[in-house]
PDB file of N, CA and C in Angstrom:
ATOM      1  N   TYR A   1      12.833  -9.915  -5.242  1.00  0.00           N
ATOM      2  CA  TYR A   1      12.696 -10.930  -6.275  1.00  0.00           C
ATOM      3  C   TYR A   1      11.422 -10.710  -7.089  1.00  0.00           C
ATOM      4  N   ALA A   2      10.294 -10.535  -6.427  1.00  0.00           N
ATOM      5  CA  ALA A   2       9.019 -10.362  -7.141  1.00  0.00           C
ATOM      6  C   ALA A   2       9.051  -9.108  -8.012  1.00  0.00           C
ATOM      7  N   ARG A   3       9.594  -8.020  -7.467  1.00  0.00           N
ATOM      8  CA  ARG A   3       9.660  -6.769  -8.228  1.00  0.00           C
ATOM      9  C   ARG A   3      10.466  -6.964  -9.510  1.00  0.00           C
ATOM     10  N   ASP A   4      11.650  -7.569  -9.404  1.00  0.00           N
ATOM     11  CA  ASP A   4      12.479  -7.799 -10.580  1.00  0.00           C
ATOM     12  C   ASP A   4      11.799  -8.724 -11.577  1.00  0.00           C
ATOM     13  N   LEU A   5      11.112  -9.729 -11.072  1.00  0.00           N
ATOM     14  CA  LEU A   5      10.391 -10.668 -11.931  1.00  0.00           C
ATOM     15  C   LEU A   5       9.278  -9.959 -12.703  1.00  0.00           C
ATOM     16  N   VAL A   6       8.516  -9.120 -12.034  1.00  0.00           N
ATOM     17  CA  VAL A   6       7.427  -8.375 -12.682  1.00  0.00           C
ATOM     18  C   VAL A   6       7.992  -7.408 -13.720  1.00  0.00           C
ATOM     19  N   ILE A   7       9.053  -6.698 -13.390  1.00  0.00           N
ATOM     20  CA  ILE A   7       9.659  -5.758 -14.341  1.00  0.00           C
ATOM     21  C   ILE A   7      10.175  -6.492 -15.557  1.00  0.00           C
ATOM     22  N   SER A   8      10.867  -7.596 -15.343  1.00  0.00           N
ATOM     23  CA  SER A   8      11.409  -8.383 -16.451  1.00  0.00           C
ATOM     24  C   SER A   8      10.301  -8.908 -17.357  1.00  0.00           C
ATOM     25  N   CYS A   9       9.249  -9.434 -16.765  1.00  0.00           N
ATOM     26  CA  CYS A   9       8.136  -9.979 -17.536  1.00  0.00           C
ATOM     27  C   CYS A   9       7.406  -8.871 -18.302  1.00  0.00           C
ATOM     28  N   ALA A  10       7.235  -7.726 -17.679  1.00  0.00           N
ATOM     29  CA  ALA A  10       6.579  -6.598 -18.356  1.00  0.00           C
ATOM     30  C   ALA A  10       7.381  -6.174 -19.576  1.00  0.00           C
ATOM     31  N   GLU A  11       8.687  -6.098 -19.431  1.00  0.00           N
ATOM     32  CA  GLU A  11       9.534  -5.728 -20.568  1.00  0.00           C
ATOM     33  C   GLU A  11       9.470  -6.776 -21.674  1.00  0.00           C
ATOM     34  N   MET A  12       9.421  -8.066 -21.301  1.00  0.00           N
ATOM     35  CA  MET A  12       9.310  -9.139 -22.306  1.00  0.00           C
ATOM     36  C   MET A  12       7.999  -9.031 -23.078  1.00  0.00           C
ATOM     37  N   ARG A  13       6.950  -8.527 -22.433  1.00  0.00           N
ATOM     38  CA  ARG A  13       5.650  -8.349 -23.088  1.00  0.00           C
ATOM     39  C   ARG A  13       5.599  -7.070 -23.911  1.00  0.00           C
ATOM     40  N   GLY A  14       6.695  -6.307 -23.915  1.00  0.00           N
ATOM     41  CA  GLY A  14       6.749  -5.092 -24.709  1.00  0.00           C
ATOM     42  C   GLY A  14       6.192  -3.858 -24.014  1.00  0.00           C
ATOM     43  N   LEU A  15       5.987  -3.952 -22.713  1.00  0.00           N
ATOM     44  CA  LEU A  15       5.478  -2.800 -21.976  1.00  0.00           C
ATOM     45  C   LEU A  15       6.627  -1.871 -21.606  1.00  0.00           C
ATOM     46  N   GLN A  16       6.355  -0.583 -21.631  1.00  0.00           N
ATOM     47  CA  GLN A  16       7.361   0.393 -21.234  1.00  0.00           C
ATOM     48  C   GLN A  16       7.471   0.388 -19.721  1.00  0.00           C
ATOM     49  N   VAL A  17       8.670   0.181 -19.223  1.00  0.00           N
ATOM     50  CA  VAL A  17       8.914   0.140 -17.790  1.00  0.00           C
ATOM     51  C   VAL A  17       9.900   1.247 -17.451  1.00  0.00           C
ATOM     52  N   GLU A  18       9.496   2.112 -16.546  1.00  0.00           N
ATOM     53  CA  GLU A  18      10.374   3.184 -16.086  1.00  0.00           C
ATOM     54  C   GLU A  18      10.728   2.917 -14.639  1.00  0.00           C
ATOM     55  N   VAL A  19      11.992   2.678 -14.394  1.00  0.00           N
ATOM     56  CA  VAL A  19      12.466   2.446 -13.036  1.00  0.00           C
ATOM     57  C   VAL A  19      13.441   3.571 -12.710  1.00  0.00           C
ATOM     58  N   ASP A  20      13.007   4.449 -11.832  1.00  0.00           N
ATOM     59  CA  ASP A  20      13.841   5.577 -11.425  1.00  0.00           C
ATOM     60  C   ASP A  20      13.813   5.651  -9.912  1.00  0.00           C
ATOM     61  N   ASN A  21      14.835   5.132  -9.307  1.00  0.00           N
ATOM     62  CA  ASN A  21      14.890   5.100  -7.845  1.00  0.00           C
ATOM     63  C   ASN A  21      15.378   6.411  -7.243  1.00  0.00           C
ATOM     64  N   THR A  22      15.686   7.400  -8.084  1.00  0.00           N
ATOM     65  CA  THR A  22      16.210   8.657  -7.569  1.00  0.00           C
ATOM     66  C   THR A  22      15.138   9.732  -7.430  1.00  0.00           C
ATOM     67  N   HIS A  23      13.987   9.543  -8.057  1.00  0.00           N
ATOM     68  CA  HIS A  23      12.919  10.535  -7.993  1.00  0.00           C
ATOM     69  C   HIS A  23      11.636   9.884  -7.482  1.00  0.00           C
ATOM     70  N   PRO A  24      10.969  10.528  -6.549  1.00  0.00           N
ATOM     71  CA  PRO A  24       9.709   9.964  -6.046  1.00  0.00           C
ATOM     72  C   PRO A  24       8.593  10.075  -7.088  1.00  0.00           C
ATOM     73  N   ILE A  25       7.594   9.244  -6.927  1.00  0.00           N
ATOM     74  CA  ILE A  25       6.408   9.323  -7.773  1.00  0.00           C
ATOM     75  C   ILE A  25       5.674  10.610  -7.410  1.00  0.00           C
ATOM     76  N   LYS A  26       5.264  11.361  -8.408  1.00  0.00           N
ATOM     77  CA  LYS A  26       4.571  12.628  -8.161  1.00  0.00           C
ATOM     78  C   LYS A  26       3.061  12.417  -8.217  1.00  0.00           C
ATOM     79  N   LEU A  27       2.371  12.870  -7.194  1.00  0.00           N
ATOM     80  CA  LEU A  27       0.917  12.766  -7.171  1.00  0.00           C
ATOM     81  C   LEU A  27       0.297  13.572  -8.304  1.00  0.00           C
ATOM     82  N   SER A  28       0.966  14.606  -8.748  1.00  0.00           N
ATOM     83  CA  SER A  28       0.447  15.416  -9.847  1.00  0.00           C
ATOM     84  C   SER A  28       0.417  14.641 -11.167  1.00  0.00           C
ATOM     85  N   ASP A  29       1.144  13.534 -11.236  1.00  0.00           N
ATOM     86  CA  ASP A  29       1.144  12.698 -12.440  1.00  0.00           C
ATOM     87  C   ASP A  29       0.015  11.667 -12.442  1.00  0.00           C
ATOM     88  N   ALA A  30      -0.800  11.630 -11.399  1.00  0.00           N
ATOM     89  CA  ALA A  30      -1.855  10.619 -11.276  1.00  0.00           C
ATOM     90  C   ALA A  30      -2.756  10.515 -12.511  1.00  0.00           C
ATOM     91  N   PRO A  31      -3.127  11.614 -13.169  1.00  0.00           N
ATOM     92  CA  PRO A  31      -3.975  11.470 -14.363  1.00  0.00           C
ATOM     93  C   PRO A  31      -3.310  10.677 -15.502  1.00  0.00           C
ATOM     94  N   LEU A  32      -1.998  10.538 -15.442  1.00  0.00           N
ATOM     95  CA  LEU A  32      -1.269   9.813 -16.491  1.00  0.00           C
ATOM     96  C   LEU A  32      -1.173   8.311 -16.216  1.00  0.00           C
ATOM     97  N   TRP A  33      -1.452   7.909 -14.985  1.00  0.00           N
ATOM     98  CA  TRP A  33      -1.302   6.507 -14.610  1.00  0.00           C
ATOM     99  C   TRP A  33      -2.400   5.668 -15.245  1.00  0.00           C
ATOM    100  N   GLU A  34      -2.013   4.580 -15.902  1.00  0.00           N
ATOM    101  CA  GLU A  34      -2.986   3.656 -16.490  1.00  0.00           C
ATOM    102  C   GLU A  34      -3.353   2.560 -15.500  1.00  0.00           C
ATOM    103  N   GLU A  35      -2.366   2.054 -14.793  1.00  0.00           N
ATOM    104  CA  GLU A  35      -2.584   1.007 -13.801  1.00  0.00           C
ATOM    105  C   GLU A  35      -1.597   1.215 -12.665  1.00  0.00           C
ATOM    106  N   ALA A  36      -1.936   0.666 -11.526  1.00  0.00           N
ATOM    107  CA  ALA A  36      -1.033   0.678 -10.376  1.00  0.00           C
ATOM    108  C   ALA A  36      -1.121  -0.679  -9.702  1.00  0.00           C
ATOM    109  N   PHE A  37       0.002  -1.152  -9.211  1.00  0.00           N
ATOM    110  CA  PHE A  37       0.008  -2.439  -8.526  1.00  0.00           C
ATOM    111  C   PHE A  37       1.163  -2.476  -7.546  1.00  0.00           C
ATOM    112  N   ILE A  38       1.095  -3.441  -6.652  1.00  0.00           N
ATOM    113  CA  ILE A  38       2.192  -3.694  -5.724  1.00  0.00           C
ATOM    114  C   ILE A  38       2.714  -5.095  -5.994  1.00  0.00           C
ATOM    115  N   THR A  39       3.948  -5.328  -5.617  1.00  0.00           N
ATOM    116  CA  THR A  39       4.527  -6.657  -5.765  1.00  0.00           C
ATOM    117  C   THR A  39       4.872  -7.184  -4.373  1.00  0.00           C
ATOM    118  N   SER A  40       4.803  -8.507  -4.243  1.00  0.00           N
ATOM    119  CA  SER A  40       5.197  -9.141  -2.990  1.00  0.00           C
ATOM    120  C   SER A  40       5.624 -10.576  -3.275  1.00  0.00           C
ATOM    121  N   SER A  41       6.375 -11.136  -2.357  1.00  0.00           N
ATOM    122  CA  SER A  41       6.847 -12.509  -2.557  1.00  0.00           C
ATOM    123  C   SER A  41       5.716 -13.522  -2.457  1.00  0.00           C
ATOM    124  N   VAL A  42       4.625 -13.179  -1.793  1.00  0.00           N
ATOM    125  CA  VAL A  42       3.510 -14.110  -1.625  1.00  0.00           C
ATOM    126  C   VAL A  42       2.592 -14.106  -2.842  1.00  0.00           C
ATOM    127  N   SER A  43       2.156 -12.931  -3.260  1.00  0.00           N
ATOM    128  CA  SER A  43       1.177 -12.873  -4.353  1.00  0.00           C
ATOM    129  C   SER A  43       1.758 -12.363  -5.667  1.00  0.00           C
ATOM    130  N   ILE A  44       3.028 -12.117  -5.743  1.00  0.00           N
ATOM    131  CA  ILE A  44       3.755 -11.634  -6.923  1.00  0.00           C
ATOM    132  C   ILE A  44       3.289 -10.239  -7.338  1.00  0.00           C
ATOM    133  N   ILE A  45       2.031 -10.111  -7.770  1.00  0.00           N
ATOM    134  CA  ILE A  45       1.527  -8.822  -8.243  1.00  0.00           C
ATOM    135  C   ILE A  45       0.052  -8.682  -7.857  1.00  0.00           C
ATOM    136  N   LYS A  46      -0.300  -7.538  -7.311  1.00  0.00           N
ATOM    137  CA  LYS A  46      -1.683  -7.270  -6.908  1.00  0.00           C
ATOM    138  C   LYS A  46      -2.075  -5.881  -7.398  1.00  0.00           C
ATOM    139  N   PRO A  47      -3.228  -5.790  -8.036  1.00  0.00           N
ATOM    140  CA  PRO A  47      -3.662  -4.483  -8.534  1.00  0.00           C
ATOM    141  C   PRO A  47      -4.113  -3.563  -7.404  1.00  0.00           C
ATOM    142  N   ILE A  48      -3.970  -2.285  -7.631  1.00  0.00           N
ATOM    143  CA  ILE A  48      -4.501  -1.262  -6.732  1.00  0.00           C
ATOM    144  C   ILE A  48      -5.710  -0.670  -7.436  1.00  0.00           C
ATOM    145  N   GLU A  49      -6.838  -0.664  -6.779  1.00  0.00           N
ATOM    146  CA  GLU A  49      -8.056  -0.149  -7.395  1.00  0.00           C
ATOM    147  C   GLU A  49      -8.234   1.343  -7.201  1.00  0.00           C
ATOM    148  N   LYS A  50      -7.862   1.843  -6.017  1.00  0.00           N
ATOM    149  CA  LYS A  50      -7.988   3.270  -5.732  1.00  0.00           C
ATOM    150  C   LYS A  50      -6.843   3.713  -4.843  1.00  0.00           C
ATOM    151  N   ILE A  51      -6.460   4.970  -5.008  1.00  0.00           N
ATOM    152  CA  ILE A  51      -5.473   5.581  -4.135  1.00  0.00           C
ATOM    153  C   ILE A  51      -6.140   6.772  -3.463  1.00  0.00           C
ATOM    154  N   TYR A  52      -6.143   6.737  -2.142  1.00  0.00           N
ATOM    155  CA  TYR A  52      -6.745   7.803  -1.343  1.00  0.00           C
ATOM    156  C   TYR A  52      -5.644   8.662  -0.737  1.00  0.00           C
ATOM    157  N   ILE A  53      -5.923   9.959  -0.625  1.00  0.00           N
ATOM    158  CA  ILE A  53      -5.011  10.857   0.076  1.00  0.00           C
ATOM    159  C   ILE A  53      -5.825  11.755   1.004  1.00  0.00           C
ATOM    160  N   PRO A  54      -5.169  12.314   2.021  1.00  0.00           N
ATOM    161  CA  PRO A  54      -5.893  13.202   2.945  1.00  0.00           C
ATOM    162  C   PRO A  54      -6.414  14.446   2.222  1.00  0.00           C
ATOM    163  N   THR A  55      -7.590  14.892   2.626  1.00  0.00           N
ATOM    164  CA  THR A  55      -8.134  16.135   2.114  1.00  0.00           C
ATOM    165  C   THR A  55      -7.401  17.278   2.812  1.00  0.00           C
ATOM    166  N   LEU A  56      -6.888  18.199   2.027  1.00  0.00           N
ATOM    167  CA  LEU A  56      -6.104  19.297   2.576  1.00  0.00           C
ATOM    168  C   LEU A  56      -6.889  20.596   2.532  1.00  0.00           C
ATOM    169  N   SER A  57      -6.606  21.466   3.465  1.00  0.00           N
ATOM    170  CA  SER A  57      -7.197  22.804   3.454  1.00  0.00           C
ATOM    171  C   SER A  57      -6.125  23.786   3.018  1.00  0.00           C
ATOM    172  N   SER A  58      -6.526  24.955   2.620  1.00  0.00           N
ATOM    173  CA  SER A  58      -5.551  25.983   2.260  1.00  0.00           C
ATOM    174  C   SER A  58      -5.690  27.157   3.218  1.00  0.00           C
ATOM    175  N   ASP A  59      -5.848  26.834   4.465  1.00  0.00           N
ATOM    176  CA  ASP A  59      -5.955  27.837   5.527  1.00  0.00           C
ATOM    177  C   ASP A  59      -4.550  28.277   5.920  1.00  0.00           C
ATOM    178  N   ASP A  60      -4.144  29.453   5.458  1.00  0.00           N
ATOM    179  CA  ASP A  60      -2.804  29.897   5.786  1.00  0.00           C
ATOM    180  C   ASP A  60      -2.796  30.902   6.930  1.00  0.00           C
ATOM    181  N   SER A  61      -3.860  30.894   7.741  1.00  0.00           N
ATOM    182  CA  SER A  61      -3.897  31.801   8.880  1.00  0.00           C
ATOM    183  C   SER A  61      -2.815  31.461   9.902  1.00  0.00           C
ATOM    184  N   ASP A  62      -2.411  30.191   9.930  1.00  0.00           N
ATOM    185  CA  ASP A  62      -1.343  29.813  10.858  1.00  0.00           C
ATOM    186  C   ASP A  62      -0.057  29.469  10.109  1.00  0.00           C
ATOM    187  N   ASN A  63       0.081  30.032   8.901  1.00  0.00           N
ATOM    188  CA  ASN A  63       1.268  29.826   8.062  1.00  0.00           C
ATOM    189  C   ASN A  63       1.521  28.359   7.711  1.00  0.00           C
ATOM    190  N   ASN A  64       0.469  27.585   7.646  1.00  0.00           N
ATOM    191  CA  ASN A  64       0.554  26.182   7.245  1.00  0.00           C
ATOM    192  C   ASN A  64      -0.411  25.993   6.085  1.00  0.00           C
ATOM    193  N   PRO A  65       0.045  26.251   4.847  1.00  0.00           N
ATOM    194  CA  PRO A  65      -0.859  26.303   3.702  1.00  0.00           C
ATOM    195  C   PRO A  65      -1.520  24.990   3.311  1.00  0.00           C
ATOM    196  N   SER A  66      -1.018  23.865   3.753  1.00  0.00           N
ATOM    197  CA  SER A  66      -1.669  22.608   3.381  1.00  0.00           C
ATOM    198  C   SER A  66      -1.662  21.660   4.564  1.00  0.00           C
ATOM    199  N   ARG A  67      -2.719  21.699   5.324  1.00  0.00           N
ATOM    200  CA  ARG A  67      -2.845  20.785   6.446  1.00  0.00           C
ATOM    201  C   ARG A  67      -4.129  19.990   6.304  1.00  0.00           C
ATOM    202  N   CYS A  68      -4.159  18.837   6.926  1.00  0.00           N
ATOM    203  CA  CYS A  68      -5.339  17.980   6.840  1.00  0.00           C
ATOM    204  C   CYS A  68      -6.543  18.678   7.453  1.00  0.00           C
ATOM    205  N   VAL A  69      -7.679  18.513   6.796  1.00  0.00           N
ATOM    206  CA  VAL A  69      -8.914  19.082   7.307  1.00  0.00           C
ATOM    207  C   VAL A  69      -9.241  18.460   8.648  1.00  0.00           C
ATOM    208  N   ASP A  70      -9.228  17.148   8.718  1.00  0.00           N
ATOM    209  CA  ASP A  70      -9.348  16.428   9.984  1.00  0.00           C
ATOM    210  C   ASP A  70      -8.723  15.055   9.779  1.00  0.00           C
ATOM    211  N   GLY A  71      -8.640  14.290  10.818  1.00  0.00           N
ATOM    212  CA  GLY A  71      -7.950  13.014  10.747  1.00  0.00           C
ATOM    213  C   GLY A  71      -8.604  11.976   9.856  1.00  0.00           C
ATOM    214  N   ASN A  72      -9.878  12.164   9.503  1.00  0.00           N
ATOM    215  CA  ASN A  72     -10.593  11.146   8.738  1.00  0.00           C
ATOM    216  C   ASN A  72     -10.976  11.580   7.327  1.00  0.00           C
ATOM    217  N   SER A  73     -10.644  12.785   6.928  1.00  0.00           N
ATOM    218  CA  SER A  73     -11.042  13.272   5.607  1.00  0.00           C
ATOM    219  C   SER A  73     -10.082  12.787   4.528  1.00  0.00           C
ATOM    220  N   MET A  74     -10.598  11.942   3.659  1.00  0.00           N
ATOM    221  CA  MET A  74      -9.802  11.397   2.557  1.00  0.00           C
ATOM    222  C   MET A  74     -10.584  11.581   1.271  1.00  0.00           C
ATOM    223  N   HIS A  75      -9.860  11.684   0.159  1.00  0.00           N
ATOM    224  CA  HIS A  75     -10.531  11.695  -1.132  1.00  0.00           C
ATOM    225  C   HIS A  75      -9.734  10.831  -2.108  1.00  0.00           C
ATOM    226  N   VAL A  76     -10.398  10.401  -3.158  1.00  0.00           N
ATOM    227  CA  VAL A  76      -9.769   9.518  -4.145  1.00  0.00           C
ATOM    228  C   VAL A  76      -8.890  10.362  -5.059  1.00  0.00           C
ATOM    229  N   LEU A  77      -7.618  10.041  -5.074  1.00  0.00           N
ATOM    230  CA  LEU A  77      -6.671  10.696  -5.980  1.00  0.00           C
ATOM    231  C   LEU A  77      -6.724  10.044  -7.352  1.00  0.00           C
ATOM    232  N   TRP A  78      -6.843   8.709  -7.362  1.00  0.00           N
ATOM    233  CA  TRP A  78      -6.773   7.952  -8.613  1.00  0.00           C
ATOM    234  C   TRP A  78      -7.623   6.698  -8.489  1.00  0.00           C
ATOM    235  N   SER A  79      -8.284   6.325  -9.588  1.00  0.00           N
ATOM    236  CA  SER A  79      -9.054   5.076  -9.652  1.00  0.00           C
ATOM    237  C   SER A  79      -8.641   4.300 -10.888  1.00  0.00           C
ATOM    238  N   ALA A  80      -8.580   2.992 -10.745  1.00  0.00           N
ATOM    239  CA  ALA A  80      -8.226   2.127 -11.871  1.00  0.00           C
ATOM    240  C   ALA A  80      -9.344   2.109 -12.907  1.00  0.00           C
ATOM    241  N   LYS A  81      -8.943   1.944 -14.139  1.00  0.00           N
ATOM    242  CA  LYS A  81      -9.894   1.770 -15.229  1.00  0.00           C
ATOM    243  C   LYS A  81     -10.643   0.460 -15.000  1.00  0.00           C
ATOM    244  N   GLU A  82     -11.925   0.447 -15.316  1.00  0.00           N
ATOM    245  CA  GLU A  82     -12.707  -0.776 -15.153  1.00  0.00           C
ATOM    246  C   GLU A  82     -12.618  -1.620 -16.419  1.00  0.00           C
ATOM    247  N   TYR A  83     -12.385  -2.906 -16.223  1.00  0.00           N
ATOM    248  CA  TYR A  83     -12.314  -3.867 -17.322  1.00  0.00           C
ATOM    249  C   TYR A  83     -13.482  -4.826 -17.192  1.00  0.00           C
ATOM    250  N   SER A  84     -13.881  -5.396 -18.308  1.00  0.00           N
ATOM    251  CA  SER A  84     -14.955  -6.375 -18.297  1.00  0.00           C
ATOM    252  C   SER A  84     -14.489  -7.629 -17.571  1.00  0.00           C
ATOM    253  N   GLU A  85     -15.287  -8.110 -16.633  1.00  0.00           N
ATOM    254  CA  GLU A  85     -14.938  -9.328 -15.888  1.00  0.00           C
ATOM    255  C   GLU A  85     -14.996 -10.560 -16.783  1.00  0.00           C
ATOM    256  N   ASN A  86     -15.732 -10.483 -17.875  1.00  0.00           N
ATOM    257  CA  ASN A  86     -15.887 -11.637 -18.760  1.00  0.00           C
ATOM    258  C   ASN A  86     -14.732 -11.793 -19.726  1.00  0.00           C
ATOM    259  N   ASN A  87     -13.858 -10.800 -19.798  1.00  0.00           N
ATOM    260  CA  ASN A  87     -12.772 -10.827 -20.760  1.00  0.00           C
ATOM    261  C   ASN A  87     -11.553 -11.492 -20.137  1.00  0.00           C
ATOM    262  N   ASP A  88     -11.293 -12.746 -20.516  1.00  0.00           N
ATOM    263  CA  ASP A  88     -10.141 -13.471 -20.002  1.00  0.00           C
ATOM    264  C   ASP A  88      -9.102 -13.741 -21.075  1.00  0.00           C
ATOM    265  N   ASP A  89      -9.190 -13.084 -22.201  1.00  0.00           N
ATOM    266  CA  ASP A  89      -8.247 -13.289 -23.294  1.00  0.00           C
ATOM    267  C   ASP A  89      -6.901 -12.676 -22.921  1.00  0.00           C
ATOM    268  N   SER A  90      -5.890 -13.515 -22.701  1.00  0.00           N
ATOM    269  CA  SER A  90      -4.597 -13.026 -22.224  1.00  0.00           C
ATOM    270  C   SER A  90      -3.868 -12.185 -23.259  1.00  0.00           C
ATOM    271  N   GLU A  91      -4.229 -12.261 -24.508  1.00  0.00           N
ATOM    272  CA  GLU A  91      -3.559 -11.466 -25.533  1.00  0.00           C
ATOM    273  C   GLU A  91      -4.341 -10.204 -25.871  1.00  0.00           C
ATOM    274  N   ASN A  92      -5.480 -10.012 -25.256  1.00  0.00           N
ATOM    275  CA  ASN A  92      -6.358  -8.887 -25.576  1.00  0.00           C
ATOM    276  C   ASN A  92      -5.958  -7.656 -24.787  1.00  0.00           C
ATOM    277  N   ASP A  93      -5.909  -6.497 -25.462  1.00  0.00           N
ATOM    278  CA  ASP A  93      -5.567  -5.241 -24.791  1.00  0.00           C
ATOM    279  C   ASP A  93      -6.656  -4.784 -23.837  1.00  0.00           C
ATOM    280  N   LEU A  94      -7.825  -5.439 -23.863  1.00  0.00           N
ATOM    281  CA  LEU A  94      -8.914  -5.026 -23.002  1.00  0.00           C
ATOM    282  C   LEU A  94      -8.798  -5.593 -21.590  1.00  0.00           C
ATOM    283  N   GLN A  95      -7.785  -6.397 -21.352  1.00  0.00           N
ATOM    284  CA  GLN A  95      -7.582  -6.914 -20.005  1.00  0.00           C
ATOM    285  C   GLN A  95      -6.496  -6.083 -19.324  1.00  0.00           C
ATOM    286  N   PRO A  96      -6.503  -6.042 -18.007  1.00  0.00           N
ATOM    287  CA  PRO A  96      -5.468  -5.281 -17.293  1.00  0.00           C
ATOM    288  C   PRO A  96      -4.071  -5.823 -17.590  1.00  0.00           C
ATOM    289  N   LYS A  97      -3.122  -4.944 -17.689  1.00  0.00           N
ATOM    290  CA  LYS A  97      -1.747  -5.364 -17.974  1.00  0.00           C
ATOM    291  C   LYS A  97      -1.155  -6.170 -16.824  1.00  0.00           C
ATOM    292  N   TRP A  98      -1.551  -5.843 -15.588  1.00  0.00           N
ATOM    293  CA  TRP A  98      -1.023  -6.602 -14.455  1.00  0.00           C
ATOM    294  C   TRP A  98      -1.419  -8.066 -14.558  1.00  0.00           C
ATOM    295  N   LYS A  99      -2.630  -8.330 -15.074  1.00  0.00           N
ATOM    296  CA  LYS A  99      -3.110  -9.708 -15.193  1.00  0.00           C
ATOM    297  C   LYS A  99      -2.318 -10.466 -16.257  1.00  0.00           C
ATOM    298  N   ALA A 100      -2.003  -9.792 -17.358  1.00  0.00           N
ATOM    299  CA  ALA A 100      -1.196 -10.413 -18.408  1.00  0.00           C
ATOM    300  C   ALA A 100       0.208 -10.724 -17.890  1.00  0.00           C
ATOM    301  N   ILE A 101       0.768  -9.826 -17.101  1.00  0.00           N
ATOM    302  CA  ILE A 101       2.090 -10.059 -16.514  1.00  0.00           C
ATOM    303  C   ILE A 101       2.035 -11.259 -15.572  1.00  0.00           C
ATOM    304  N   TYR A 102       1.021 -11.314 -14.725  1.00  0.00           N
ATOM    305  CA  TYR A 102       0.877 -12.432 -13.791  1.00  0.00           C
ATOM    306  C   TYR A 102       0.748 -13.760 -14.542  1.00  0.00           C
ATOM    307  N   ARG A 103      -0.063 -13.786 -15.564  1.00  0.00           N
ATOM    308  CA  ARG A 103      -0.243 -15.028 -16.338  1.00  0.00           C
ATOM    309  C   ARG A 103       1.070 -15.458 -16.982  1.00  0.00           C
ATOM    310  N   GLU A 104       1.829 -14.503 -17.487  1.00  0.00           N
ATOM    311  CA  GLU A 104       3.122 -14.807 -18.110  1.00  0.00           C
ATOM    312  C   GLU A 104       4.074 -15.424 -17.078  1.00  0.00           C
ATOM    313  N   ILE A 105       4.087 -14.875 -15.878  1.00  0.00           N
ATOM    314  CA  ILE A 105       4.954 -15.393 -14.811  1.00  0.00           C
ATOM    315  C   ILE A 105       4.531 -16.804 -14.438  1.00  0.00           C
ATOM    316  N   MET A 106       3.227 -17.041 -14.307  1.00  0.00           N
ATOM    317  CA  MET A 106       2.742 -18.377 -13.951  1.00  0.00           C
ATOM    318  C   MET A 106       3.034 -19.375 -15.058  1.00  0.00           C
ATOM    319  N   LYS A 107       2.878 -18.939 -16.317  1.00  0.00           N
ATOM    320  CA  LYS A 107       3.146 -19.824 -17.453  1.00  0.00           C
ATOM    321  C   LYS A 107       4.616 -20.233 -17.490  1.00  0.00           C
ATOM    322  N   ALA A 108       5.494 -19.325 -17.087  1.00  0.00           N
ATOM    323  CA  ALA A 108       6.934 -19.621 -17.085  1.00  0.00           C
ATOM    324  C   ALA A 108       7.337 -20.497 -15.906  1.00  0.00           C
ATOM    325  N   GLY A 109       6.431 -20.661 -14.951  1.00  0.00           N
ATOM    326  CA  GLY A 109       6.689 -21.559 -13.831  1.00  0.00           C
ATOM    327  C   GLY A 109       7.530 -20.980 -12.717  1.00  0.00           C
ATOM    328  N   TYR A 110       7.487 -19.696 -12.542  1.00  0.00           N
ATOM    329  CA  TYR A 110       8.272 -19.078 -11.449  1.00  0.00           C
ATOM    330  C   TYR A 110       7.628 -19.303 -10.124  1.00  0.00           C
TER     331      TYR A 110
END
């Protein structure tokens, strides 16, 4: 329910929404991502600030070209753009799109 509500509201706001359940999200596309968020029935929409992935080695001595360096080695794949905390203008492009979507949903009374 929350996912459909967020997608519908984003489209009503004129945002481009791509829903492709047949292809996984590619980590190589991370530089193209403007924002990332998750949806849930409790909080509707929550922003993701950073995405971490395991640090990989390219040690192919054991024919395993990409294995984790160790169990705790992580690096940031993607970070969200920083917005001014003082900017609460819901029509302003300087605010996160997830926040505009959330406000639209709350205004509609869902």
